Protein backbone atom coordinates (compact mmCIF):
# COMPACT_ATOMS: atom_id res chain seq x y z
CA MET A 1 113.10 83.81 144.26
CA SER A 2 110.14 85.63 145.76
CA SER A 3 111.81 88.98 144.99
CA LEU A 4 112.20 87.98 141.33
CA ARG A 5 108.56 86.94 141.21
CA SER A 6 107.51 90.23 142.79
CA ALA A 7 109.66 92.16 140.29
CA TRP A 8 108.13 90.16 137.42
CA TYR A 9 104.55 90.91 138.47
CA ALA A 10 105.47 94.55 139.08
CA LEU A 11 106.18 94.93 135.37
CA PRO A 12 103.35 96.31 133.20
CA ASN A 13 101.23 93.70 131.42
CA LEU A 14 102.53 94.79 128.02
CA VAL A 15 106.19 94.36 129.03
CA ARG A 16 105.53 90.91 130.50
CA PHE A 17 103.64 89.95 127.35
CA VAL A 18 106.49 91.04 125.07
CA ILE A 19 109.14 89.26 127.17
CA ARG A 20 107.09 86.05 127.28
CA ARG A 21 106.40 86.10 123.54
CA LEU A 22 110.05 86.82 122.72
CA PHE A 23 111.11 83.84 124.83
CA VAL A 24 108.59 81.58 123.10
CA GLY A 25 109.72 83.03 119.77
CA LEU A 26 113.34 82.10 120.51
CA LEU A 27 112.27 78.52 121.24
CA LEU A 28 110.29 78.43 118.00
CA CYS A 29 113.26 79.76 116.02
CA LEU A 30 115.45 77.07 117.60
CA GLY A 31 112.94 74.43 116.53
CA ILE A 32 112.84 75.89 113.01
CA THR A 33 116.62 75.70 112.70
CA LEU A 34 116.44 72.01 113.68
CA VAL A 35 113.63 71.24 111.20
CA SER A 36 115.16 73.19 108.33
CA PHE A 37 118.58 71.64 108.96
CA ALA A 38 117.06 68.16 109.00
CA LEU A 39 115.21 68.88 105.74
CA THR A 40 118.38 70.07 104.03
CA GLN A 41 120.00 66.75 104.96
CA VAL A 42 117.26 64.53 103.53
CA VAL A 43 116.48 66.32 100.25
CA PRO A 44 117.82 64.46 97.22
CA GLY A 45 120.85 65.89 95.48
CA ASP A 46 124.44 66.71 96.31
CA PRO A 47 125.34 70.31 97.19
CA VAL A 48 128.84 69.72 95.85
CA SER A 49 127.61 68.85 92.34
CA ALA A 50 124.96 71.61 92.48
CA ASN A 51 127.54 74.29 93.24
CA LEU A 52 130.70 73.09 91.51
CA GLY A 53 129.35 71.49 88.38
CA ASP A 54 130.12 68.01 87.08
CA ARG A 55 133.68 68.79 85.93
CA ALA A 56 134.90 70.29 89.20
CA ALA A 57 132.92 67.73 91.22
CA SER A 58 134.96 64.98 89.61
CA ASP A 59 138.19 66.40 91.09
CA PRO A 60 138.68 64.91 94.62
CA GLU A 61 140.88 67.81 95.79
CA ILE A 62 138.32 70.44 94.79
CA VAL A 63 135.52 68.45 96.38
CA ALA A 64 137.49 68.02 99.60
CA ALA A 65 138.30 71.74 99.73
CA PHE A 66 134.62 72.62 99.15
CA ARG A 67 133.44 70.27 101.90
CA ALA A 68 136.06 71.56 104.33
CA ARG A 69 135.19 75.20 103.59
CA TYR A 70 131.50 74.73 104.36
CA GLY A 71 131.93 72.14 107.11
CA LEU A 72 130.29 69.39 105.08
CA ASP A 73 133.11 66.99 105.97
CA LYS A 74 132.04 66.89 109.63
CA PRO A 75 129.41 64.58 111.16
CA ILE A 76 125.87 65.88 110.75
CA PRO A 77 125.21 66.51 114.51
CA GLN A 78 128.47 68.44 114.72
CA GLN A 79 127.47 70.53 111.68
CA TYR A 80 124.25 71.51 113.42
CA LEU A 81 125.96 72.39 116.70
CA LEU A 82 128.54 74.49 114.87
CA TYR A 83 125.71 76.26 113.05
CA LEU A 84 124.03 77.06 116.39
CA GLU A 85 127.33 78.27 117.81
CA ARG A 86 127.75 80.70 114.91
CA LEU A 87 124.11 81.69 115.12
CA VAL A 88 124.53 82.86 118.72
CA HIS A 89 127.09 85.35 117.40
CA GLY A 90 124.78 86.50 114.61
CA ASP A 91 126.61 84.51 111.91
CA LEU A 92 124.34 82.61 109.50
CA GLY A 93 127.26 81.11 107.63
CA GLU A 94 128.50 81.65 104.09
CA SER A 95 126.37 81.14 101.01
CA GLN A 96 127.74 78.43 98.73
CA GLN A 97 126.16 80.22 95.78
CA THR A 98 127.26 83.83 96.24
CA ARG A 99 130.39 83.14 98.37
CA ARG A 100 129.24 85.91 100.70
CA PRO A 101 127.90 85.85 104.29
CA VAL A 102 124.19 84.95 104.31
CA THR A 103 123.52 87.98 106.51
CA THR A 104 124.97 90.21 103.77
CA ASP A 105 122.76 88.57 101.15
CA LEU A 106 119.67 88.90 103.34
CA ALA A 107 120.44 92.57 104.00
CA GLN A 108 120.49 93.06 100.22
CA TYR A 109 117.41 91.04 99.25
CA LEU A 110 115.06 91.28 102.23
CA PRO A 111 114.33 95.06 102.06
CA ALA A 112 113.08 94.67 98.46
CA THR A 113 110.58 92.04 99.58
CA ILE A 114 109.50 94.04 102.65
CA GLU A 115 108.94 97.07 100.40
CA LEU A 116 106.87 94.99 97.97
CA ALA A 117 104.85 93.23 100.70
CA THR A 118 104.19 96.48 102.58
CA ALA A 119 102.89 98.19 99.44
CA ALA A 120 100.70 95.15 98.71
CA MET A 121 99.41 95.15 102.30
CA ILE A 122 98.45 98.83 102.10
CA ILE A 123 96.56 98.18 98.85
CA ALA A 124 94.86 95.11 100.34
CA LEU A 125 93.77 96.93 103.51
CA VAL A 126 92.39 99.99 101.71
CA LEU A 127 90.52 97.99 99.06
CA GLY A 128 89.50 95.08 101.29
CA ILE A 129 88.08 97.15 104.16
CA SER A 130 86.32 99.55 101.79
CA LEU A 131 84.72 96.78 99.75
CA GLY A 132 83.79 94.81 102.88
CA VAL A 133 82.05 97.81 104.47
CA VAL A 134 80.14 98.60 101.27
CA ALA A 135 79.09 94.95 100.92
CA ALA A 136 77.86 94.80 104.52
CA ILE A 137 75.90 98.05 104.24
CA GLY A 138 74.26 96.88 101.01
CA ARG A 139 73.68 93.33 102.18
CA ASP A 140 71.98 91.10 99.56
CA ARG A 141 71.65 94.02 97.13
CA TRP A 142 73.61 94.35 93.89
CA PRO A 143 76.73 96.04 95.38
CA ASP A 144 77.00 93.18 97.87
CA GLN A 145 76.59 90.55 95.17
CA VAL A 146 79.13 92.20 92.85
CA ILE A 147 81.69 92.57 95.65
CA ARG A 148 81.19 88.96 96.75
CA VAL A 149 81.94 87.79 93.22
CA ILE A 150 85.04 90.01 93.10
CA SER A 151 86.32 88.75 96.47
CA LEU A 152 85.69 85.13 95.44
CA ALA A 153 87.61 85.73 92.22
CA GLY A 154 90.43 87.36 94.22
CA VAL A 155 91.00 84.29 96.39
CA SER A 156 90.53 81.89 93.46
CA ILE A 157 92.78 83.28 90.72
CA PRO A 158 96.30 81.80 90.80
CA THR A 159 98.83 84.52 91.56
CA PHE A 160 101.35 83.30 88.99
CA TRP A 161 98.76 83.34 86.18
CA LEU A 162 97.52 86.78 87.23
CA ALA A 163 101.09 88.14 87.28
CA LEU A 164 101.75 86.90 83.74
CA VAL A 165 98.46 88.24 82.38
CA THR A 166 98.72 91.67 83.99
CA PHE A 167 102.33 92.07 82.87
CA TYR A 168 101.43 91.08 79.29
CA VAL A 169 98.42 93.42 79.14
CA PHE A 170 99.81 96.49 80.92
CA PHE A 171 103.39 96.29 79.61
CA PHE A 172 103.28 94.68 76.17
CA LYS A 173 99.78 95.64 74.99
CA LEU A 174 98.92 98.94 76.70
CA GLY A 175 102.48 100.11 77.38
CA ILE A 176 101.56 101.82 80.66
CA ALA A 177 103.53 99.56 83.01
CA PRO A 178 107.20 100.52 83.46
CA GLY A 179 108.61 97.01 83.00
CA VAL A 180 110.50 94.60 85.23
CA GLY A 181 112.89 95.38 88.05
CA ARG A 182 112.89 98.11 90.67
CA LEU A 183 114.10 100.93 88.37
CA ASN A 184 114.30 101.70 84.66
CA PRO A 185 117.20 100.06 82.76
CA GLY A 186 120.39 101.94 83.61
CA GLY A 187 118.64 103.85 86.40
CA LYS A 188 120.77 104.84 89.36
CA ALA A 189 119.62 103.61 92.76
CA PRO A 190 119.23 106.18 95.56
CA PRO A 191 121.80 106.28 98.37
CA SER A 192 121.47 103.07 100.36
CA ILE A 193 119.93 103.69 103.79
CA THR A 194 117.16 101.10 104.15
CA ASN A 195 117.62 99.43 100.72
CA MET A 196 113.96 100.22 100.05
CA PHE A 197 114.24 102.42 96.98
CA THR A 198 111.06 104.45 97.57
CA ILE A 199 112.01 105.22 101.19
CA ASP A 200 115.66 105.94 100.36
CA ALA A 201 114.66 108.23 97.47
CA LEU A 202 112.35 110.19 99.78
CA LEU A 203 115.03 110.49 102.47
CA ALA A 204 117.52 111.70 99.84
CA GLY A 205 115.01 114.13 98.33
CA GLN A 206 115.26 112.43 94.92
CA TRP A 207 111.67 112.88 93.79
CA ALA A 208 112.22 111.66 90.24
CA THR A 209 113.79 108.44 91.50
CA PHE A 210 110.93 108.04 93.97
CA GLY A 211 108.39 108.34 91.15
CA ILE A 212 110.20 105.74 89.04
CA ALA A 213 110.61 103.31 91.98
CA ALA A 214 106.95 103.76 92.97
CA SER A 215 105.75 103.16 89.41
CA HIS A 216 107.73 99.90 89.27
CA LEU A 217 106.18 98.88 92.58
CA VAL A 218 102.52 99.35 91.63
CA LEU A 219 101.86 96.38 89.35
CA PRO A 220 103.66 93.62 91.35
CA ALA A 221 102.19 94.98 94.59
CA LEU A 222 98.70 94.98 93.09
CA VAL A 223 99.09 91.39 91.87
CA LEU A 224 100.44 90.29 95.25
CA ALA A 225 97.56 92.07 97.02
CA ILE A 226 94.70 90.53 95.03
CA TYR A 227 94.40 87.35 97.10
CA THR A 228 94.55 89.28 100.36
CA VAL A 229 91.98 91.81 99.11
CA GLY A 230 89.54 88.94 98.65
CA SER A 231 90.24 87.56 102.13
CA ILE A 232 90.00 90.91 103.92
CA THR A 233 86.81 91.80 102.04
CA ARG A 234 85.13 88.58 103.14
CA PHE A 235 86.25 88.95 106.78
CA THR A 236 85.30 92.65 106.88
CA ARG A 237 81.86 91.93 105.49
CA ALA A 238 81.22 89.14 108.01
CA ALA A 239 82.55 91.17 110.96
CA MET A 240 80.56 94.25 109.91
CA LEU A 241 77.35 92.25 109.59
CA GLU A 242 77.85 90.94 113.12
CA SER A 243 78.56 94.44 114.45
CA LEU A 244 75.55 95.97 112.68
CA SER A 245 73.27 93.44 114.38
CA GLN A 246 74.44 94.39 117.90
CA ASP A 247 72.32 96.38 120.37
CA TYR A 248 74.88 99.19 120.70
CA VAL A 249 74.57 99.92 116.99
CA ARG A 250 70.78 100.02 117.23
CA ALA A 251 71.13 102.30 120.27
CA ALA A 252 73.44 104.62 118.33
CA ARG A 253 70.92 104.85 115.51
CA ALA A 254 68.07 105.39 118.01
CA LYS A 255 70.01 108.38 119.40
CA GLY A 256 69.85 109.93 115.95
CA LEU A 257 73.59 109.78 115.22
CA PRO A 258 74.55 110.25 111.57
CA GLU A 259 74.77 106.95 109.68
CA ARG A 260 78.40 107.65 108.81
CA THR A 261 79.28 107.93 112.53
CA VAL A 262 77.34 104.76 113.32
CA ILE A 263 79.19 102.83 110.62
CA LEU A 264 82.71 104.12 111.22
CA ARG A 265 82.74 104.51 115.00
CA HIS A 266 80.28 101.96 116.34
CA ALA A 267 80.32 99.17 113.73
CA LEU A 268 83.71 99.25 112.02
CA ARG A 269 85.89 99.67 115.12
CA PRO A 270 84.88 96.35 116.76
CA ALA A 271 85.21 94.67 113.36
CA LEU A 272 88.81 95.89 113.03
CA ALA A 273 89.99 93.36 115.63
CA ALA A 274 89.21 90.44 113.31
CA ILE A 275 90.59 92.32 110.31
CA VAL A 276 93.91 93.01 112.06
CA THR A 277 94.33 89.29 112.74
CA VAL A 278 93.71 88.40 109.10
CA ALA A 279 96.01 91.19 107.92
CA GLY A 280 98.84 90.02 110.20
CA MET A 281 98.67 86.48 108.90
CA ALA A 282 98.42 87.76 105.32
CA PHE A 283 101.52 89.93 105.71
CA GLY A 284 103.57 86.96 106.88
CA ARG A 285 102.24 84.91 103.97
CA MET A 286 103.17 87.68 101.53
CA LEU A 287 106.77 87.79 102.77
CA SER A 288 107.23 84.08 102.31
CA GLY A 289 105.12 83.71 99.18
CA THR A 290 106.54 86.30 96.83
CA VAL A 291 108.59 83.84 94.79
CA LEU A 292 106.22 83.70 91.81
CA VAL A 293 105.53 87.44 91.66
CA GLU A 294 109.22 88.27 92.07
CA SER A 295 110.10 85.81 89.30
CA VAL A 296 107.63 87.31 86.79
CA PHE A 297 108.60 90.93 87.54
CA SER A 298 112.34 90.20 88.07
CA TRP A 299 112.03 91.69 91.53
CA PRO A 300 115.34 91.04 93.38
CA GLY A 301 113.77 90.00 96.68
CA ILE A 302 114.15 87.22 99.18
CA GLY A 303 111.76 85.00 97.22
CA GLN A 304 114.14 84.88 94.26
CA TYR A 305 117.09 84.42 96.60
CA ALA A 306 115.36 81.45 98.27
CA TYR A 307 114.41 79.96 94.89
CA LYS A 308 117.97 80.16 93.55
CA SER A 309 119.34 78.84 96.85
CA ALA A 310 117.02 75.84 96.71
CA LEU A 311 118.09 75.07 93.14
CA ALA A 312 121.76 75.17 94.18
CA LEU A 313 121.13 73.26 97.45
CA ASP A 314 122.67 76.24 99.22
CA LEU A 315 122.08 74.88 102.73
CA ARG A 316 123.13 77.92 104.78
CA ALA A 317 121.12 80.30 102.60
CA ILE A 318 118.00 78.11 102.83
CA MET A 319 118.29 77.96 106.62
CA GLY A 320 118.93 81.70 106.82
CA VAL A 321 115.83 82.51 104.79
CA SER A 322 113.70 80.10 106.86
CA LEU A 323 114.93 81.61 110.11
CA VAL A 324 114.40 85.21 109.05
CA VAL A 325 110.90 84.57 107.67
CA ALA A 326 109.96 82.72 110.88
CA ALA A 327 111.27 85.57 113.02
CA ILE A 328 109.23 88.07 111.01
CA TYR A 329 106.13 85.87 111.40
CA ILE A 330 106.62 85.82 115.18
CA LEU A 331 107.16 89.59 115.42
CA VAL A 332 104.16 90.34 113.20
CA ASN A 333 101.90 88.08 115.26
CA MET A 334 103.11 89.72 118.46
CA ALA A 335 102.36 93.14 116.99
CA VAL A 336 98.91 91.91 115.93
CA ASP A 337 98.13 90.79 119.49
CA ILE A 338 99.17 94.19 120.86
CA ILE A 339 97.11 96.07 118.27
CA TYR A 340 94.21 93.70 118.96
CA ALA A 341 94.27 94.68 122.65
CA LEU A 342 94.53 98.38 121.82
CA ILE A 343 91.51 98.21 119.52
CA ASP A 344 89.41 96.17 121.94
CA PRO A 345 90.19 97.07 125.60
CA ARG A 346 88.27 93.98 126.74
CA ILE A 347 91.24 91.94 125.50
CA ARG A 348 93.96 91.82 128.12
CA LEU A 349 97.59 90.98 127.47
CA GLY A 350 98.71 88.33 129.92
């Protein structure tokens, strides 16, 4: 026992932190499977009628076969234990809607959402940090006031309404948006490597396909980013104002350092710790909140998959989506903590 304890404390702090967080993450995922399974049992509606239709649902033999195929004929506790048993082997069950393994469906839909959320996150970080820094430098002057109005509008405008308006203006009226979907109608997808069309097109050297996929990505990513731009702008402004009031910033200015160096090296770097935390939470929210944007732009991502699964009471698909989104949340938050410690060495990983 003492040797195991000695070996544990001999590990670097970062390794111990990752192992501890992964263990906690596994417990959280187990709790999420229990909660999501319980919710699927109490929601109104019958999965048999939702998937077979009224005519087939009136045939006892078809209903019995459907229940036997998806294990719905077993007691509820046994259904959950069987689900956990399959989960240990990496099996999330079969979708009642697509008749395919849920893991296969997730492998198809999830990369599209990750591609969309990543593009939106890049836009949000670039715009949010830039606007926040400018607002802090010009505190209480007109740039600050304009940016504060913009950031307030960003967090206030409903995403669904913004998606409809931007699509109507840029596609129907101005004709500069490429339309819905990930490629032009009839366009051939690049060879599947990551299932992210922009990445796969780059890896395959298909520059024309990359341009088309990137152009389809811009508008939905921009709409998805607007709310996060407002949040990051507000946090960056507040963190920068706190940094600019610190003694080390005054000392840097007293040494005669260029203002650009003072802002970027001495004021912005400490502020990045708070920004990284906000960005990590925002990225998780983007992954799980893309349903409306994906619906407007016909983006075949996990949001649409979850929406259709909920309509069909596709229990295994709903649980699979919940579990995957939770796992991504946990991994993103762990990465945020590590980046937080790298940015600010005073933070130690326990």
